[in-house]
């Protein structure tokens, strides 16, 4: 079924790695490892379903204080290996990698891998993989507001020139279309701050399936559900 607004940008909150591990009798880290493997498999799926932009949320700003330091350290090392191992696939499939979130609080070695992956894939424009490392929606809005306030203070921008379109240009996704569909796995029905500005008119899809089990078949269910919807963008 074709949609009046084709699904160009899919954003996924990959929840449930630890719960998946617990249900299978594995340590939490095994769940994160399985989640990373699932994320890598999705790269092939986005091309199959002609999804030009895929956002995955890897590490949130809240993870620094709400998760054990040992787990956060493991996640950073896991994501670093994931990016390094994915470079070949990203280049082969001509997928551009874009980091969203902050770099100033991430370990230098991890930032080096992020920057390297961004540079290696910079020339690609057909397909895009966005991953949030140290990303938080409120933090993103505050950072964007500070950039705009600085321009106003310096006399480079007038207050009445500030519009939603201008504000969008100072978010982490200035040249990326807003998400059409935001998916959250593992049963939780909240966005937890993913794209609070960009995703104001995004369709939402919640599934009880944990992310490690979010196969291509499960993705297709979400896409089919999206295709059955009528988007109004604030209208009747």
Foldseek 3Di string as FASTA:
>chain_A
DAAPDQFQEEEEEQDDLQVVQVVVVHHSLVSLLLLLVLVLVCVVLCVVSVHQEYEYEQAELCCVPPPDPVVVVSSLVSVLVSLVVCLVVCVVVLEAEAEFADDPPDDPSSVVSSVVSNVSNVVRDRHYYYYYDHHFQVVQLVQLVVVVVVCVVVVNDDPVVDDLLVSCCSGSCNPDQAGQEYEYEQADDDDRGDCPSSCPQHHYYYYNHRSSPCHSVVVVVRSVVSRVDDGDPPHD
